[in-house]
Amino acid sequence: MADKTRKTIRIKWVRSGIGFTRHQKTIVRSVGLRRLNQTVVRPDTPQMRGIVAAVPHLLAIVPETPAPAWASLPEYTVYPPEVKPTPPAEPAAELGAEVASEVVAAEASAEKGEPQPAKPAKAAKEKVDKGPAGGAPGKVKPTQAAKAKPKAARKKSAPKKESKPPKAGKK
């Protein structure tokens, strides 16, 4: 059964394996290192320390880096949502009575022939063109129809120049 409180060491690859034997390169790979300056955490056993001791010019045991003090402080605190008590059913009944009285008043005025007061219409929102990024505001962008030009209005390409006959070389 493995002990969870077992100590660990941090092993870092500090020098490239170029120019060293293939056996030394495989030792570095067997530790689990794939890139230069990569650090891995392994159990602190005599076997792991022996592997590092076999290639001390390529690997090093580095101390644990303590967490910075600011890392222990939370960025923000999340509070649970507040639970609002449910309102009693009586105010809802009163509201229903008010709505019912308005409906009755509207029907009575309709029978008399009085015009009902119009509900205020929502104001139409105008779209303001802010223009392209960095462009002048209020500028109208041309539509696809405005961009398309008839074939006759398109700019004609310049006629091709006649090519000169090849010069006769020296014979």
Protein backbone atom coordinates (compact mmCIF):
# COMPACT_ATOMS: atom_id res chain seq x y z
CA MET A 1 0.00 0.00 0.00
CA ALA A 2 1.47 3.33 -1.06
CA ASP A 3 1.93 6.01 1.54
CA LYS A 4 0.36 9.30 0.38
CA THR A 5 2.67 11.38 2.57
CA ARG A 6 5.70 10.15 0.68
CA LYS A 7 8.26 12.82 -0.18
CA THR A 8 8.85 13.94 -3.74
CA ILE A 9 11.69 15.63 -5.58
CA ARG A 10 11.66 17.95 -8.56
CA ILE A 11 14.02 16.95 -11.38
CA LYS A 12 14.95 19.49 -14.06
CA TRP A 13 16.65 18.94 -17.41
CA VAL A 14 19.40 21.59 -17.42
CA ARG A 15 21.63 20.77 -20.41
CA SER A 16 21.04 19.43 -23.92
CA GLY A 17 21.89 15.82 -24.71
CA ILE A 18 23.62 16.76 -27.97
CA GLY A 19 27.17 15.44 -27.97
CA PHE A 20 26.47 12.85 -25.28
CA THR A 21 25.89 9.12 -25.67
CA ARG A 22 22.56 7.64 -26.61
CA HIS A 23 22.47 5.85 -23.25
CA GLN A 24 22.58 9.19 -21.39
CA LYS A 25 19.79 10.57 -23.59
CA THR A 26 17.61 7.54 -22.80
CA ILE A 27 18.21 8.09 -19.06
CA VAL A 28 16.85 11.63 -19.41
CA ARG A 29 13.81 10.33 -21.31
CA SER A 30 13.22 7.58 -18.73
CA VAL A 31 12.75 10.19 -16.02
CA GLY A 32 9.90 11.62 -18.10
CA LEU A 33 11.59 14.73 -19.45
CA ARG A 34 10.85 15.69 -23.03
CA ARG A 35 12.07 19.29 -23.33
CA LEU A 36 15.04 21.26 -22.07
CA ASN A 37 14.33 23.20 -18.83
CA GLN A 38 11.29 21.00 -18.15
CA THR A 39 10.68 20.01 -14.53
CA VAL A 40 8.96 16.83 -13.32
CA VAL A 41 7.97 15.64 -9.86
CA ARG A 42 9.04 12.11 -8.95
CA PRO A 43 9.06 10.12 -5.69
CA ASP A 44 12.13 10.64 -3.54
CA THR A 45 13.60 7.15 -3.68
CA PRO A 46 17.21 5.93 -3.87
CA GLN A 47 16.51 4.66 -7.39
CA MET A 48 15.44 8.10 -8.68
CA ARG A 49 18.38 9.78 -6.97
CA GLY A 50 20.67 7.18 -8.61
CA ILE A 51 19.28 8.00 -12.06
CA VAL A 52 19.93 11.71 -11.50
CA ALA A 53 23.43 10.89 -10.17
CA ALA A 54 24.18 8.91 -13.36
CA VAL A 55 23.85 12.07 -15.50
CA PRO A 56 24.48 15.02 -13.15
CA HIS A 57 25.69 17.16 -16.05
CA LEU A 58 22.23 16.85 -17.72
CA LEU A 59 19.82 16.67 -14.77
CA ALA A 60 19.53 18.55 -11.51
CA ILE A 61 17.37 18.26 -8.41
CA VAL A 62 15.72 21.63 -7.79
CA PRO A 63 14.05 22.71 -4.54
CA GLU A 64 10.29 23.07 -4.26
CA THR A 65 9.19 26.55 -5.19
CA PRO A 66 6.96 28.03 -2.51
CA ALA A 67 3.65 29.47 -3.64
CA PRO A 68 3.61 33.27 -3.67
CA ALA A 69 1.72 34.94 -0.82
CA TRP A 70 -0.79 36.55 -3.15
CA ALA A 71 -1.83 33.15 -4.52
CA SER A 72 -3.50 32.24 -1.23
CA LEU A 73 -5.88 35.21 -1.45
CA PRO A 74 -9.04 34.67 -3.48
CA GLU A 75 -9.69 37.04 -6.38
CA TYR A 76 -13.31 37.40 -5.43
CA THR A 77 -15.81 35.87 -3.07
CA VAL A 78 -18.90 34.07 -4.27
CA TYR A 79 -21.89 34.42 -1.99
CA PRO A 80 -24.95 32.16 -2.23
CA PRO A 81 -28.00 33.84 -3.77
CA GLU A 82 -30.38 35.48 -1.36
CA VAL A 83 -33.66 33.66 -0.94
CA LYS A 84 -36.58 36.07 -0.93
CA PRO A 85 -39.64 35.04 1.04
CA THR A 86 -42.70 34.41 -1.08
CA PRO A 87 -45.29 37.19 -0.80
CA PRO A 88 -48.70 36.28 0.61
CA ALA A 89 -51.51 35.53 -1.84
CA GLU A 90 -53.65 38.51 -0.75
CA PRO A 91 -51.83 41.24 -2.74
CA ALA A 92 -52.22 39.16 -5.90
CA ALA A 93 -55.98 39.05 -5.34
CA GLU A 94 -56.04 42.83 -4.89
CA LEU A 95 -54.09 43.28 -8.11
CA GLY A 96 -56.55 41.04 -9.92
CA ALA A 97 -59.42 43.19 -8.62
CA GLU A 98 -57.72 46.36 -9.94
CA VAL A 99 -57.22 44.83 -13.37
CA ALA A 100 -60.80 43.60 -13.41
CA SER A 101 -62.12 47.09 -12.54
CA GLU A 102 -60.07 48.59 -15.42
CA VAL A 103 -61.53 46.04 -17.85
CA VAL A 104 -65.06 46.79 -16.68
CA ALA A 105 -64.43 50.55 -17.07
CA ALA A 106 -63.05 50.01 -20.59
CA GLU A 107 -66.11 47.98 -21.62
CA ALA A 108 -68.47 50.62 -20.21
CA SER A 109 -66.74 53.40 -22.15
CA ALA A 110 -66.84 51.29 -25.33
CA GLU A 111 -70.61 50.90 -24.95
CA LYS A 112 -71.04 54.66 -24.56
CA GLY A 113 -69.04 55.26 -27.72
CA GLU A 114 -66.23 57.13 -25.99
CA PRO A 115 -62.82 56.66 -27.54
CA GLN A 116 -60.48 54.68 -25.38
CA PRO A 117 -57.25 56.37 -24.40
CA ALA A 118 -54.50 55.18 -26.70
CA LYS A 119 -51.56 53.43 -25.15
CA PRO A 120 -48.34 55.32 -25.68
CA ALA A 121 -46.45 53.86 -28.60
CA LYS A 122 -42.87 52.88 -28.11
CA ALA A 123 -40.47 55.38 -29.62
CA ALA A 124 -38.71 54.06 -32.69
CA LYS A 125 -35.04 53.63 -32.12
CA GLU A 126 -32.86 55.25 -34.71
CA LYS A 127 -29.77 53.42 -35.75
CA VAL A 128 -26.70 55.57 -35.77
CA ASP A 129 -23.89 54.37 -37.96
CA LYS A 130 -20.76 54.60 -35.91
CA GLY A 131 -18.72 53.95 -39.02
CA PRO A 132 -15.85 51.56 -39.49
CA ALA A 133 -13.17 51.30 -36.85
CA GLY A 134 -11.16 54.47 -37.02
CA GLY A 135 -13.47 55.93 -39.67
CA ALA A 136 -15.64 59.00 -39.60
CA PRO A 137 -18.96 58.53 -37.80
CA GLY A 138 -22.15 58.99 -39.75
CA LYS A 139 -20.66 57.74 -42.99
CA VAL A 140 -23.00 55.55 -44.99
CA LYS A 141 -21.61 52.28 -46.22
CA PRO A 142 -22.37 51.47 -49.84
CA THR A 143 -24.57 48.45 -50.40
CA GLN A 144 -23.82 45.61 -52.77
CA ALA A 145 -26.20 47.09 -55.34
CA ALA A 146 -24.38 50.41 -55.23
CA LYS A 147 -21.02 48.71 -55.59
CA ALA A 148 -22.03 46.74 -58.68
CA LYS A 149 -21.48 48.70 -61.88
CA PRO A 150 -22.87 47.90 -65.28
CA LYS A 151 -20.46 46.34 -67.75
CA ALA A 152 -20.40 49.47 -69.87
CA ALA A 153 -19.35 51.65 -66.93
CA ARG A 154 -16.46 49.38 -65.93
CA LYS A 155 -13.01 50.62 -66.71
CA LYS A 156 -11.64 49.03 -69.82
CA SER A 157 -8.18 47.61 -69.68
CA ALA A 158 -5.49 49.19 -71.80
CA PRO A 159 -4.85 47.52 -75.16
CA LYS A 160 -1.89 45.19 -75.26
CA LYS A 161 1.26 46.56 -76.80
CA GLU A 162 2.48 44.86 -79.87
CA SER A 163 5.50 42.79 -79.18
CA LYS A 164 8.66 43.57 -81.04
CA PRO A 165 10.12 40.91 -83.29
CA PRO A 166 13.11 39.19 -81.73
CA LYS A 167 16.43 40.74 -82.54
CA ALA A 168 18.62 38.88 -84.87
CA GLY A 169 21.63 37.55 -83.05
CA LYS A 170 25.15 37.72 -84.27
CA LYS A 171 25.99 34.98 -86.69
